[in-house]
């Protein structure tokens, strides 16, 4: 009888370790499944953040380009006004006509560019 109790006592820790390892492995399996389910969501969040950052950079670039165009237009207008002072009245008519044609061509090009950019966003 004493031998039987020793066998039971020595087998008890083995039994407890076996059950504990089964519970532990099941818990790890559950955690791995939870992690794998969260990864697509984290990936989507990262992609959304990158897309938002890209859009912000694009908008900043567009604003810079718009400011640059406005500066160019301002310089052209200033140049036109300076030319009015330099040339005699008979030459100013031809000069104005050429400048108006140039300005119209630039406005058409800018409008075409704007339309192309709007189509890209759609």
PDB file of N, CA and C in Angstrom:
ATOM      1  N   UNK A   1       0.823  -1.178   0.000  1.00  0.00           N
ATOM      2  CA  UNK A   1       0.000   0.000   0.000  1.00  0.00           C
ATOM      3  C   UNK A   1       0.876   1.254   0.000  1.00  0.00           C
ATOM      4  N   UNK A   2       1.959   1.207   0.703  1.00  0.00           N
ATOM      5  CA  UNK A   2       2.882   2.330   0.750  1.00  0.00           C
ATOM      6  C   UNK A   2       3.481   2.548  -0.632  1.00  0.00           C
ATOM      7  N   UNK A   3       3.764   1.498  -1.327  1.00  0.00           N
ATOM      8  CA  UNK A   3       4.296   1.609  -2.691  1.00  0.00           C
ATOM      9  C   UNK A   3       3.283   2.252  -3.624  1.00  0.00           C
ATOM     10  N   UNK A   4       2.004   1.940  -3.459  1.00  0.00           N
ATOM     11  CA  UNK A   4       0.954   2.529  -4.297  1.00  0.00           C
ATOM     12  C   UNK A   4       0.858   4.032  -4.063  1.00  0.00           C
ATOM     13  N   UNK A   5       0.945   4.461  -2.820  1.00  0.00           N
ATOM     14  CA  UNK A   5       0.851   5.898  -2.550  1.00  0.00           C
ATOM     15  C   UNK A   5       2.068   6.633  -3.097  1.00  0.00           C
ATOM     16  N   UNK A   6       3.245   5.996  -3.089  1.00  0.00           N
ATOM     17  CA  UNK A   6       4.431   6.616  -3.672  1.00  0.00           C
ATOM     18  C   UNK A   6       4.282   6.769  -5.181  1.00  0.00           C
ATOM     19  N   UNK A   7       3.693   5.789  -5.806  1.00  0.00           N
ATOM     20  CA  UNK A   7       3.472   5.854  -7.259  1.00  0.00           C
ATOM     21  C   UNK A   7       2.495   6.987  -7.577  1.00  0.00           C
ATOM     22  N   UNK A   8       1.437   7.092  -6.775  1.00  0.00           N
ATOM     23  CA  UNK A   8       0.454   8.154  -6.982  1.00  0.00           C
ATOM     24  C   UNK A   8       1.098   9.511  -6.735  1.00  0.00           C
ATOM     25  N   UNK A   9       1.885   9.615  -5.650  1.00  0.00           N
ATOM     26  CA  UNK A   9       2.529  10.887  -5.331  1.00  0.00           C
ATOM     27  C   UNK A   9       3.522  11.287  -6.421  1.00  0.00           C
ATOM     28  N   UNK A  10       4.280  10.356  -6.953  1.00  0.00           N
ATOM     29  CA  UNK A  10       5.264  10.696  -7.972  1.00  0.00           C
ATOM     30  C   UNK A  10       4.577  10.962  -9.322  1.00  0.00           C
ATOM     31  N   UNK A  11       3.442  10.361  -9.571  1.00  0.00           N
ATOM     32  CA  UNK A  11       2.725  10.579 -10.830  1.00  0.00           C
ATOM     33  C   UNK A  11       1.906  11.862 -10.829  1.00  0.00           C
ATOM     34  N   UNK A  12       1.577  12.344  -9.633  1.00  0.00           N
ATOM     35  CA  UNK A  12       0.761  13.550  -9.519  1.00  0.00           C
ATOM     36  C   UNK A  12       1.439  14.779 -10.141  1.00  0.00           C
ATOM     37  N   UNK A  13       2.694  15.046  -9.857  1.00  0.00           N
ATOM     38  CA  UNK A  13       3.334  16.214 -10.504  1.00  0.00           C
ATOM     39  C   UNK A  13       3.388  16.088 -12.034  1.00  0.00           C
ATOM     40  N   UNK A  14       3.613  14.884 -12.520  1.00  0.00           N
ATOM     41  CA  UNK A  14       3.628  14.674 -13.968  1.00  0.00           C
ATOM     42  C   UNK A  14       2.257  14.979 -14.563  1.00  0.00           C
ATOM     43  N   UNK A  15       1.205  14.534 -13.890  1.00  0.00           N
ATOM     44  CA  UNK A  15      -0.162  14.778 -14.326  1.00  0.00           C
ATOM     45  C   UNK A  15      -0.459  16.287 -14.328  1.00  0.00           C
ATOM     46  N   UNK A  16      -0.044  16.984 -13.287  1.00  0.00           N
ATOM     47  CA  UNK A  16      -0.281  18.432 -13.171  1.00  0.00           C
ATOM     48  C   UNK A  16       0.491  19.178 -14.266  1.00  0.00           C
ATOM     49  N   UNK A  17       1.725  18.780 -14.506  1.00  0.00           N
ATOM     50  CA  UNK A  17       2.521  19.419 -15.552  1.00  0.00           C
ATOM     51  C   UNK A  17       1.912  19.202 -16.937  1.00  0.00           C
ATOM     52  N   UNK A  18       1.389  18.018 -17.165  1.00  0.00           N
ATOM     53  CA  UNK A  18       0.767  17.715 -18.457  1.00  0.00           C
ATOM     54  C   UNK A  18      -0.454  18.606 -18.680  1.00  0.00           C
ATOM     55  N   UNK A  19      -1.311  18.697 -17.680  1.00  0.00           N
ATOM     56  CA  UNK A  19      -2.519  19.511 -17.791  1.00  0.00           C
ATOM     57  C   UNK A  19      -2.145  20.991 -17.940  1.00  0.00           C
ATOM     58  N   UNK A  20      -1.164  21.438 -17.175  1.00  0.00           N
ATOM     59  CA  UNK A  20      -0.743  22.836 -17.258  1.00  0.00           C
ATOM     60  C   UNK A  20      -0.190  23.159 -18.647  1.00  0.00           C
ATOM     61  N   UNK A  21       0.580  22.241 -19.214  1.00  0.00           N
ATOM     62  CA  UNK A  21       1.138  22.499 -20.548  1.00  0.00           C
ATOM     63  C   UNK A  21       0.038  22.513 -21.608  1.00  0.00           C
ATOM     64  N   UNK A  22      -0.987  21.664 -21.456  1.00  0.00           N
ATOM     65  CA  UNK A  22      -2.113  21.689 -22.401  1.00  0.00           C
ATOM     66  C   UNK A  22      -2.869  23.017 -22.317  1.00  0.00           C
ATOM     67  N   UNK A  23      -3.111  23.482 -21.126  1.00  0.00           N
ATOM     68  CA  UNK A  23      -3.817  24.759 -20.943  1.00  0.00           C
ATOM     69  C   UNK A  23      -2.970  25.895 -21.510  1.00  0.00           C
ATOM     70  N   UNK A  24      -1.679  25.857 -21.215  1.00  0.00           N
ATOM     71  CA  UNK A  24      -0.776  26.900 -21.684  1.00  0.00           C
ATOM     72  C   UNK A  24      -0.715  26.931 -23.218  1.00  0.00           C
ATOM     73  N   UNK A  25      -0.605  25.777 -23.857  1.00  0.00           N
ATOM     74  CA  UNK A  25      -0.525  25.732 -25.321  1.00  0.00           C
ATOM     75  C   UNK A  25      -1.835  26.213 -25.945  1.00  0.00           C
ATOM     76  N   UNK A  26      -2.967  25.904 -25.310  1.00  0.00           N
ATOM     77  CA  UNK A  26      -4.265  26.371 -25.809  1.00  0.00           C
ATOM     78  C   UNK A  26      -4.353  27.894 -25.704  1.00  0.00           C
ATOM     79  N   UNK A  27      -3.839  28.442 -24.622  1.00  0.00           N
ATOM     80  CA  UNK A  27      -3.850  29.904 -24.448  1.00  0.00           C
ATOM     81  C   UNK A  27      -2.981  30.571 -25.509  1.00  0.00           C
ATOM     82  N   UNK A  28      -1.811  30.001 -25.802  1.00  0.00           N
ATOM     83  CA  UNK A  28      -0.949  30.573 -26.829  1.00  0.00           C
ATOM     84  C   UNK A  28      -1.596  30.501 -28.200  1.00  0.00           C
ATOM     85  N   UNK A  29      -2.292  29.408 -28.446  1.00  0.00           N
ATOM     86  CA  UNK A  29      -2.980  29.275 -29.733  1.00  0.00           C
ATOM     87  C   UNK A  29      -4.043  30.364 -29.871  1.00  0.00           C
ATOM     88  N   UNK A  30      -4.772  30.631 -28.801  1.00  0.00           N
ATOM     89  CA  UNK A  30      -5.787  31.693 -28.827  1.00  0.00           C
ATOM     90  C   UNK A  30      -5.165  33.062 -29.048  1.00  0.00           C
ATOM     91  N   UNK A  31      -4.018  33.307 -28.414  1.00  0.00           N
ATOM     92  CA  UNK A  31      -3.343  34.592 -28.583  1.00  0.00           C
ATOM     93  C   UNK A  31      -2.821  34.748 -30.006  1.00  0.00           C
ATOM     94  N   UNK A  32      -2.284  33.686 -30.576  1.00  0.00           N
ATOM     95  CA  UNK A  32      -1.777  33.743 -31.942  1.00  0.00           C
ATOM     96  C   UNK A  32      -2.906  34.046 -32.917  1.00  0.00           C
ATOM     97  N   UNK A  33      -4.066  33.447 -32.674  1.00  0.00           N
ATOM     98  CA  UNK A  33      -5.222  33.700 -33.532  1.00  0.00           C
ATOM     99  C   UNK A  33      -5.665  35.159 -33.414  1.00  0.00           C
ATOM    100  N   UNK A  34      -5.674  35.694 -32.199  1.00  0.00           N
ATOM    101  CA  UNK A  34      -6.059  37.086 -31.986  1.00  0.00           C
ATOM    102  C   UNK A  34      -5.075  38.021 -32.676  1.00  0.00           C
ATOM    103  N   UNK A  35      -3.792  37.723 -32.561  1.00  0.00           N
ATOM    104  CA  UNK A  35      -2.769  38.548 -33.210  1.00  0.00           C
ATOM    105  C   UNK A  35      -2.946  38.520 -34.719  1.00  0.00           C
ATOM    106  N   UNK A  36      -3.161  37.336 -35.287  1.00  0.00           N
ATOM    107  CA  UNK A  36      -3.312  37.235 -36.742  1.00  0.00           C
ATOM    108  C   UNK A  36      -4.581  37.934 -37.218  1.00  0.00           C
ATOM    109  N   UNK A  37      -5.609  38.016 -36.397  1.00  0.00           N
ATOM    110  CA  UNK A  37      -6.827  38.736 -36.775  1.00  0.00           C
ATOM    111  C   UNK A  37      -6.608  40.242 -36.722  1.00  0.00           C
ATOM    112  N   UNK A  38      -5.751  40.711 -35.823  1.00  0.00           N
ATOM    113  CA  UNK A  38      -5.512  42.144 -35.689  1.00  0.00           C
ATOM    114  C   UNK A  38      -4.556  42.683 -36.753  1.00  0.00           C
ATOM    115  N   UNK A  39      -3.718  41.829 -37.324  1.00  0.00           N
ATOM    116  CA  UNK A  39      -2.730  42.299 -38.297  1.00  0.00           C
ATOM    117  C   UNK A  39      -3.374  42.942 -39.524  1.00  0.00           C
ATOM    118  N   UNK A  40      -4.408  42.380 -40.154  1.00  0.00           N
ATOM    119  CA  UNK A  40      -5.012  43.068 -41.304  1.00  0.00           C
ATOM    120  C   UNK A  40      -5.565  44.450 -40.931  1.00  0.00           C
ATOM    121  N   UNK A  41      -6.132  44.568 -39.752  1.00  0.00           N
ATOM    122  CA  UNK A  41      -6.672  45.852 -39.326  1.00  0.00           C
ATOM    123  C   UNK A  41      -5.538  46.862 -39.139  1.00  0.00           C
ATOM    124  N   UNK A  42      -4.448  46.433 -38.529  1.00  0.00           N
ATOM    125  CA  UNK A  42      -3.297  47.327 -38.346  1.00  0.00           C
ATOM    126  C   UNK A  42      -2.700  47.704 -39.692  1.00  0.00           C
ATOM    127  N   UNK A  43      -2.657  46.764 -40.620  1.00  0.00           N
ATOM    128  CA  UNK A  43      -2.138  47.033 -41.952  1.00  0.00           C
ATOM    129  C   UNK A  43      -3.013  48.061 -42.660  1.00  0.00           C
ATOM    130  N   UNK A  44      -4.350  47.900 -42.552  1.00  0.00           N
ATOM    131  CA  UNK A  44      -5.268  48.864 -43.167  1.00  0.00           C
ATOM    132  C   UNK A  44      -5.098  50.248 -42.560  1.00  0.00           C
ATOM    133  N   UNK A  45      -4.934  50.303 -41.238  1.00  0.00           N
ATOM    134  CA  UNK A  45      -4.737  51.594 -40.586  1.00  0.00           C
ATOM    135  C   UNK A  45      -3.452  52.246 -41.073  1.00  0.00           C
ATOM    136  N   UNK A  46      -2.411  51.467 -41.226  1.00  0.00           N
ATOM    137  CA  UNK A  46      -1.124  52.001 -41.711  1.00  0.00           C
ATOM    138  C   UNK A  46      -1.264  52.501 -43.146  1.00  0.00           C
ATOM    139  N   UNK A  47      -1.964  51.727 -43.974  1.00  0.00           N
ATOM    140  CA  UNK A  47      -2.175  52.141 -45.366  1.00  0.00           C
ATOM    141  C   UNK A  47      -2.994  53.427 -45.432  1.00  0.00           C
ATOM    142  N   UNK A  48      -4.027  53.533 -44.607  1.00  0.00           N
ATOM    143  CA  UNK A  48      -4.847  54.744 -44.563  1.00  0.00           C
ATOM    144  C   UNK A  48      -4.007  55.940 -44.144  1.00  0.00           C
ATOM    145  N   UNK A  49      -3.152  55.749 -43.153  1.00  0.00           N
ATOM    146  CA  UNK A  49      -2.294  56.844 -42.684  1.00  0.00           C
ATOM    147  C   UNK A  49      -1.326  57.274 -43.794  1.00  0.00           C
ATOM    148  N   UNK A  50      -0.764  56.300 -44.504  1.00  0.00           N
ATOM    149  CA  UNK A  50       0.153  56.627 -45.599  1.00  0.00           C
ATOM    150  C   UNK A  50      -0.573  57.351 -46.724  1.00  0.00           C
ATOM    151  N   UNK A  51      -1.785  56.909 -47.022  1.00  0.00           N
ATOM    152  CA  UNK A  51      -2.563  57.567 -48.075  1.00  0.00           C
ATOM    153  C   UNK A  51      -2.911  59.004 -47.676  1.00  0.00           C
ATOM    154  N   UNK A  52      -3.284  59.194 -46.427  1.00  0.00           N
ATOM    155  CA  UNK A  52      -3.604  60.535 -45.954  1.00  0.00           C
ATOM    156  C   UNK A  52      -2.370  61.435 -46.021  1.00  0.00           C
ATOM    157  N   UNK A  53      -1.229  60.903 -45.615  1.00  0.00           N
ATOM    158  CA  UNK A  53       0.013  61.665 -45.670  1.00  0.00           C
ATOM    159  C   UNK A  53       0.364  62.016 -47.120  1.00  0.00           C
ATOM    160  N   UNK A  54       0.157  61.074 -48.019  1.00  0.00           N
ATOM    161  CA  UNK A  54       0.432  61.313 -49.432  1.00  0.00           C
ATOM    162  C   UNK A  54      -0.471  62.412 -49.984  1.00  0.00           C
ATOM    163  N   UNK A  55      -1.745  62.383 -49.617  1.00  0.00           N
ATOM    164  CA  UNK A  55      -2.674  63.419 -50.066  1.00  0.00           C
ATOM    165  C   UNK A  55      -2.281  64.787 -49.519  1.00  0.00           C
ATOM    166  N   UNK A  56      -1.841  64.833 -48.283  1.00  0.00           N
ATOM    167  CA  UNK A  56      -1.416  66.103 -47.697  1.00  0.00           C
ATOM    168  C   UNK A  56      -0.190  66.649 -48.426  1.00  0.00           C
ATOM    169  N   UNK A  57       0.754  65.762 -48.728  1.00  0.00           N
ATOM    170  CA  UNK A  57       1.941  66.196 -49.458  1.00  0.00           C
ATOM    171  C   UNK A  57       1.567  66.708 -50.857  1.00  0.00           C
ATOM    172  N   UNK A  58       0.635  66.012 -51.493  1.00  0.00           N
ATOM    173  CA  UNK A  58       0.182  66.434 -52.823  1.00  0.00           C
ATOM    174  C   UNK A  58      -0.490  67.807 -52.738  1.00  0.00           C
ATOM    175  N   UNK A  59      -1.312  68.018 -51.742  1.00  0.00           N
ATOM    176  CA  UNK A  59      -1.979  69.310 -51.576  1.00  0.00           C
ATOM    177  C   UNK A  59      -0.957  70.414 -51.311  1.00  0.00           C
ATOM    178  N   UNK A  60       0.040  70.129 -50.507  1.00  0.00           N
ATOM    179  CA  UNK A  60       1.083  71.121 -50.254  1.00  0.00           C
ATOM    180  C   UNK A  60       1.832  71.458 -51.545  1.00  0.00           C
ATOM    181  N   UNK A  61       2.113  70.439 -52.329  1.00  0.00           N
ATOM    182  CA  UNK A  61       2.778  70.652 -53.607  1.00  0.00           C
ATOM    183  C   UNK A  61       1.921  71.519 -54.519  1.00  0.00           C
ATOM    184  N   UNK A  62       0.632  71.209 -54.598  1.00  0.00           N
ATOM    185  CA  UNK A  62      -0.291  71.982 -55.444  1.00  0.00           C
ATOM    186  C   UNK A  62      -0.358  73.435 -54.978  1.00  0.00           C
ATOM    187  N   UNK A  63      -0.404  73.652 -53.675  1.00  0.00           N
ATOM    188  CA  UNK A  63      -0.441  75.012 -53.158  1.00  0.00           C
ATOM    189  C   UNK A  63       0.841  75.767 -53.520  1.00  0.00           C
ATOM    190  N   UNK A  64       1.972  75.090 -53.437  1.00  0.00           N
ATOM    191  CA  UNK A  64       3.243  75.716 -53.829  1.00  0.00           C
ATOM    192  C   UNK A  64       3.211  76.094 -55.308  1.00  0.00           C
ATOM    193  N   UNK A  65       2.702  75.169 -56.120  1.00  0.00           N
ATOM    194  CA  UNK A  65       2.625  75.442 -57.557  1.00  0.00           C
ATOM    195  C   UNK A  65       1.691  76.620 -57.842  1.00  0.00           C
ATOM    196  N   UNK A  66       0.574  76.673 -57.137  1.00  0.00           N
ATOM    197  CA  UNK A  66      -0.365  77.789 -57.315  1.00  0.00           C
ATOM    198  C   UNK A  66       0.287  79.110 -56.926  1.00  0.00           C
ATOM    199  N   UNK A  67       0.996  79.124 -55.801  1.00  0.00           N
ATOM    200  CA  UNK A  67       1.690  80.351 -55.387  1.00  0.00           C
ATOM    201  C   UNK A  67       2.739  80.760 -56.422  1.00  0.00           C
ATOM    202  N   UNK A  68       3.454  79.770 -56.926  1.00  0.00           N
ATOM    203  CA  UNK A  68       4.472  80.048 -57.934  1.00  0.00           C
ATOM    204  C   UNK A  68       3.850  80.647 -59.188  1.00  0.00           C
ATOM    205  N   UNK A  69       2.727  80.072 -59.638  1.00  0.00           N
ATOM    206  CA  UNK A  69       2.024  80.598 -60.815  1.00  0.00           C
ATOM    207  C   UNK A  69       1.546  82.024 -60.579  1.00  0.00           C
ATOM    208  N   UNK A  70       1.016  82.277 -59.404  1.00  0.00           N
ATOM    209  CA  UNK A  70       0.564  83.633 -59.093  1.00  0.00           C
ATOM    210  C   UNK A  70       1.732  84.620 -59.103  1.00  0.00           C
ATOM    211  N   UNK A  71       2.866  84.197 -58.579  1.00  0.00           N
ATOM    212  CA  UNK A  71       4.053  85.059 -58.614  1.00  0.00           C
ATOM    213  C   UNK A  71       4.473  85.343 -60.055  1.00  0.00           C
ATOM    214  N   UNK A  72       4.427  84.305 -60.878  1.00  0.00           N
ATOM    215  CA  UNK A  72       4.783  84.490 -62.287  1.00  0.00           C
ATOM    216  C   UNK A  72       3.821  85.463 -62.963  1.00  0.00           C
ATOM    217  N   UNK A  73       2.532  85.287 -62.688  1.00  0.00           N
ATOM    218  CA  UNK A  73       1.552  86.185 -63.282  1.00  0.00           C
ATOM    219  C   UNK A  73       1.783  87.621 -62.819  1.00  0.00           C
ATOM    220  N   UNK A  74       2.092  87.774 -61.560  1.00  0.00           N
ATOM    221  CA  UNK A  74       2.364  89.102 -61.020  1.00  0.00           C
ATOM    222  C   UNK A  74       3.590  89.715 -61.704  1.00  0.00           C
ATOM    223  N   UNK A  75       4.635  88.934 -61.874  1.00  0.00           N
ATOM    224  CA  UNK A  75       5.844  89.427 -62.535  1.00  0.00           C
ATOM    225  C   UNK A  75       5.567  89.786 -63.990  1.00  0.00           C
ATOM    226  N   UNK A  76       4.760  88.988 -64.647  1.00  0.00           N
ATOM    227  CA  UNK A  76       4.414  89.288 -66.035  1.00  0.00           C
ATOM    228  C   UNK A  76       3.619  90.587 -66.137  1.00  0.00           C
ATOM    229  N   UNK A  77       2.686  90.766 -65.228  1.00  0.00           N
ATOM    230  CA  UNK A  77       1.908  91.993 -65.221  1.00  0.00           C
ATOM    231  C   UNK A  77       2.800  93.198 -64.947  1.00  0.00           C
ATOM    232  N   UNK A  78       3.717  93.058 -64.013  1.00  0.00           N
ATOM    233  CA  UNK A  78       4.661  94.129 -63.709  1.00  0.00           C
ATOM    234  C   UNK A  78       5.525  94.441 -64.926  1.00  0.00           C
ATOM    235  N   UNK A  79       5.975  93.403 -65.591  1.00  0.00           N
ATOM    236  CA  UNK A  79       6.776  93.584 -66.802  1.00  0.00           C
ATOM    237  C   UNK A  79       5.967  94.306 -67.875  1.00  0.00           C
ATOM    238  N   UNK A  80       4.719  93.913 -68.013  1.00  0.00           N
ATOM    239  CA  UNK A  80       3.840  94.559 -68.996  1.00  0.00           C
ATOM    240  C   UNK A  80       3.688  96.047 -68.683  1.00  0.00           C
ATOM    241  N   UNK A  81       3.474  96.367 -67.429  1.00  0.00           N
ATOM    242  CA  UNK A  81       3.322  97.767 -67.040  1.00  0.00           C
ATOM    243  C   UNK A  81       4.620  98.553 -67.272  1.00  0.00           C
ATOM    244  N   UNK A  82       5.751  97.925 -67.003  1.00  0.00           N
ATOM    245  CA  UNK A  82       7.034  98.595 -67.245  1.00  0.00           C
ATOM    246  C   UNK A  82       7.243  98.845 -68.736  1.00  0.00           C
ATOM    247  N   UNK A  83       6.822  97.888 -69.548  1.00  0.00           N
ATOM    248  CA  UNK A  83       6.950  98.046 -71.003  1.00  0.00           C
ATOM    249  C   UNK A  83       6.066  99.173 -71.515  1.00  0.00           C
ATOM    250  N   UNK A  84       4.929  99.363 -70.892  1.00  0.00           N
ATOM    251  CA  UNK A  84       4.047 100.461 -71.299  1.00  0.00           C
ATOM    252  C   UNK A  84       4.769 101.791 -71.161  1.00  0.00           C
ATOM    253  N   UNK A  85       5.581 101.913 -70.152  1.00  0.00           N
ATOM    254  CA  UNK A  85       6.298 103.154 -69.916  1.00  0.00           C
ATOM    255  C   UNK A  85       7.478 103.336 -70.882  1.00  0.00           C
ATOM    256  N   UNK A  86       8.039 102.243 -71.365  1.00  0.00           N
ATOM    257  CA  UNK A  86       9.225 102.302 -72.229  1.00  0.00           C
ATOM    258  C   UNK A  86       8.905 102.558 -73.695  1.00  0.00           C
ATOM    259  N   UNK A  87       7.813 101.983 -74.182  1.00  0.00           N
ATOM    260  CA  UNK A  87       7.527 102.033 -75.612  1.00  0.00           C
ATOM    261  C   UNK A  87       6.586 103.196 -75.944  1.00  0.00           C
ATOM    262  N   UNK A  88       6.739 103.769 -77.112  1.00  0.00           N
ATOM    263  CA  UNK A  88       5.821 104.833 -77.530  1.00  0.00           C
ATOM    264  C   UNK A  88       4.415 104.269 -77.773  1.00  0.00           C
ATOM    265  N   UNK A  89       3.383 105.115 -77.744  1.00  0.00           N
ATOM    266  CA  UNK A  89       1.993 104.649 -77.860  1.00  0.00           C
ATOM    267  C   UNK A  89       1.708 103.804 -79.096  1.00  0.00           C
ATOM    268  N   UNK A  90       2.311 104.074 -80.259  1.00  0.00           N
ATOM    269  CA  UNK A  90       2.004 103.289 -81.457  1.00  0.00           C
ATOM    270  C   UNK A  90       2.494 101.849 -81.328  1.00  0.00           C
ATOM    271  N   UNK A  91       3.590 101.630 -80.616  1.00  0.00           N
ATOM    272  CA  UNK A  91       4.097 100.266 -80.419  1.00  0.00           C
ATOM    273  C   UNK A  91       3.370  99.562 -79.282  1.00  0.00           C
ATOM    274  N   UNK A  92       2.772 100.307 -78.388  1.00  0.00           N
ATOM    275  CA  UNK A  92       2.090  99.690 -77.248  1.00  0.00           C
ATOM    276  C   UNK A  92       0.894  98.854 -77.692  1.00  0.00           C
ATOM    277  N   UNK A  93       0.193  99.296 -78.720  1.00  0.00           N
ATOM    278  CA  UNK A  93      -0.972  98.538 -79.196  1.00  0.00           C
ATOM    279  C   UNK A  93      -0.583  97.126 -79.601  1.00  0.00           C
ATOM    280  N   UNK A  94       0.455  97.012 -80.399  1.00  0.00           N
ATOM    281  CA  UNK A  94       0.938  95.693 -80.830  1.00  0.00           C
ATOM    282  C   UNK A  94       1.440  94.883 -79.634  1.00  0.00           C
ATOM    283  N   UNK A  95       2.153  95.550 -78.748  1.00  0.00           N
ATOM    284  CA  UNK A  95       2.672  94.882 -77.558  1.00  0.00           C
ATOM    285  C   UNK A  95       1.530  94.354 -76.683  1.00  0.00           C
ATOM    286  N   UNK A  96       0.486  95.166 -76.495  1.00  0.00           N
ATOM    287  CA  UNK A  96      -0.671  94.730 -75.692  1.00  0.00           C
ATOM    288  C   UNK A  96      -1.358  93.526 -76.327  1.00  0.00           C
ATOM    289  N   UNK A  97      -1.485  93.572 -77.640  1.00  0.00           N
ATOM    290  CA  UNK A  97      -2.140  92.459 -78.335  1.00  0.00           C
ATOM    291  C   UNK A  97      -1.347  91.167 -78.117  1.00  0.00           C
ATOM    292  N   UNK A  98      -0.037  91.242 -78.248  1.00  0.00           N
ATOM    293  CA  UNK A  98       0.802  90.055 -78.047  1.00  0.00           C
ATOM    294  C   UNK A  98       0.740  89.569 -76.596  1.00  0.00           C
ATOM    295  N   UNK A  99       0.762  90.502 -75.667  1.00  0.00           N
ATOM    296  CA  UNK A  99       0.686  90.125 -74.253  1.00  0.00           C
ATOM    297  C   UNK A  99      -0.666  89.505 -73.930  1.00  0.00           C
ATOM    298  N   UNK A 100      -1.722  90.054 -74.503  1.00  0.00           N
ATOM    299  CA  UNK A 100      -3.054  89.481 -74.275  1.00  0.00           C
ATOM    300  C   UNK A 100      -3.134  88.063 -74.824  1.00  0.00           C
ATOM    301  N   UNK A 101      -2.537  87.854 -76.000  1.00  0.00           N
ATOM    302  CA  UNK A 101      -2.529  86.508 -76.571  1.00  0.00           C
ATOM    303  C   UNK A 101      -1.750  85.558 -75.664  1.00  0.00           C
ATOM    304  N   UNK A 102      -0.616  86.025 -75.186  1.00  0.00           N
ATOM    305  CA  UNK A 102       0.196  85.202 -74.287  1.00  0.00           C
ATOM    306  C   UNK A 102      -0.568  84.881 -73.012  1.00  0.00           C
ATOM    307  N   UNK A 103      -1.196  85.886 -72.415  1.00  0.00           N
ATOM    308  CA  UNK A 103      -1.971  85.690 -71.186  1.00  0.00           C
ATOM    309  C   UNK A 103      -3.121  84.712 -71.415  1.00  0.00           C
ATOM    310  N   UNK A 104      -3.827  84.852 -72.544  1.00  0.00           N
ATOM    311  CA  UNK A 104      -4.932  83.948 -72.865  1.00  0.00           C
ATOM    312  C   UNK A 104      -4.425  82.519 -73.021  1.00  0.00           C
ATOM    313  N   UNK A 105      -3.285  82.361 -73.710  1.00  0.00           N
ATOM    314  CA  UNK A 105      -2.710  81.029 -73.887  1.00  0.00           C
ATOM    315  C   UNK A 105      -2.322  80.405 -72.543  1.00  0.00           C
ATOM    316  N   UNK A 106      -1.748  81.203 -71.662  1.00  0.00           N
ATOM    317  CA  UNK A 106      -1.368  80.711 -70.340  1.00  0.00           C
ATOM    318  C   UNK A 106      -2.589  80.322 -69.521  1.00  0.00           C
ATOM    319  N   UNK A 107      -3.624  81.122 -69.591  1.00  0.00           N
ATOM    320  CA  UNK A 107      -4.848  80.802 -68.852  1.00  0.00           C
ATOM    321  C   UNK A 107      -5.465  79.512 -69.369  1.00  0.00           C
ATOM    322  N   UNK A 108      -5.444  79.309 -70.683  1.00  0.00           N
ATOM    323  CA  UNK A 108      -5.979  78.074 -71.256  1.00  0.00           C
ATOM    324  C   UNK A 108      -5.153  76.868 -70.801  1.00  0.00           C
ATOM    325  N   UNK A 109      -3.844  77.030 -70.788  1.00  0.00           N
ATOM    326  CA  UNK A 109      -2.979  75.936 -70.335  1.00  0.00           C
ATOM    327  C   UNK A 109      -3.215  75.621 -68.867  1.00  0.00           C
ATOM    328  N   UNK A 110      -3.375  76.650 -68.056  1.00  0.00           N
ATOM    329  CA  UNK A 110      -3.641  76.428 -66.633  1.00  0.00           C
ATOM    330  C   UNK A 110      -4.984  75.740 -66.437  1.00  0.00           C
ATOM    331  N   UNK A 111      -5.979  76.131 -67.204  1.00  0.00           N
ATOM    332  CA  UNK A 111      -7.298  75.502 -67.094  1.00  0.00           C
ATOM    333  C   UNK A 111      -7.229  74.038 -67.516  1.00  0.00           C
ATOM    334  N   UNK A 112      -6.490  73.739 -68.573  1.00  0.00           N
ATOM    335  CA  UNK A 112      -6.322  72.354 -69.004  1.00  0.00           C
ATOM    336  C   UNK A 112      -5.617  71.540 -67.925  1.00  0.00           C
ATOM    337  N   UNK A 113      -4.611  72.119 -67.332  1.00  0.00           N
ATOM    338  CA  UNK A 113      -3.886  71.438 -66.253  1.00  0.00           C
ATOM    339  C   UNK A 113      -4.802  71.170 -65.073  1.00  0.00           C
ATOM    340  N   UNK A 114      -5.592  72.159 -64.694  1.00  0.00           N
ATOM    341  CA  UNK A 114      -6.545  71.984 -63.592  1.00  0.00           C
ATOM    342  C   UNK A 114      -7.537  70.862 -63.878  1.00  0.00           C
ATOM    343  N   UNK A 115      -8.047  70.822 -65.119  1.00  0.00           N
ATOM    344  CA  UNK A 115      -9.005  69.776 -65.496  1.00  0.00           C
ATOM    345  C   UNK A 115      -8.359  68.399 -65.447  1.00  0.00           C
ATOM    346  N   UNK A 116      -7.113  68.305 -65.905  1.00  0.00           N
ATOM    347  CA  UNK A 116      -6.408  67.024 -65.853  1.00  0.00           C
ATOM    348  C   UNK A 116      -6.222  66.561 -64.411  1.00  0.00           C
ATOM    349  N   UNK A 117      -5.881  67.493 -63.537  1.00  0.00           N
ATOM    350  CA  UNK A 117      -5.671  67.136 -62.128  1.00  0.00           C
ATOM    351  C   UNK A 117      -6.981  66.730 -61.480  1.00  0.00           C
ATOM    352  N   UNK A 118      -8.061  67.390 -61.830  1.00  0.00           N
ATOM    353  CA  UNK A 118      -9.365  67.022 -61.267  1.00  0.00           C
ATOM    354  C   UNK A 118      -9.771  65.632 -61.735  1.00  0.00           C
ATOM    355  N   UNK A 119      -9.448  65.291 -62.975  1.00  0.00           N
ATOM    356  CA  UNK A 119      -9.777  63.966 -63.489  1.00  0.00           C
ATOM    357  C   UNK A 119      -8.955  62.895 -62.788  1.00  0.00           C
ATOM    358  N   UNK A 120      -7.734  63.228 -62.392  1.00  0.00           N
ATOM    359  CA  UNK A 120      -6.900  62.269 -61.679  1.00  0.00           C
ATOM    360  C   UNK A 120      -7.472  61.956 -60.316  1.00  0.00           C
ATOM    361  N   UNK A 121      -8.111  62.921 -59.677  1.00  0.00           N
ATOM    362  CA  UNK A 121      -8.683  62.704 -58.343  1.00  0.00           C
ATOM    363  C   UNK A 121      -9.952  61.858 -58.411  1.00  0.00           C
ATOM    364  N   UNK A 122     -10.570  61.815 -59.547  1.00  0.00           N
ATOM    365  CA  UNK A 122     -11.835  61.059 -59.663  1.00  0.00           C
ATOM    366  C   UNK A 122     -11.621  59.627 -59.874  1.00  0.00           C
TER     367      UNK A 122
END
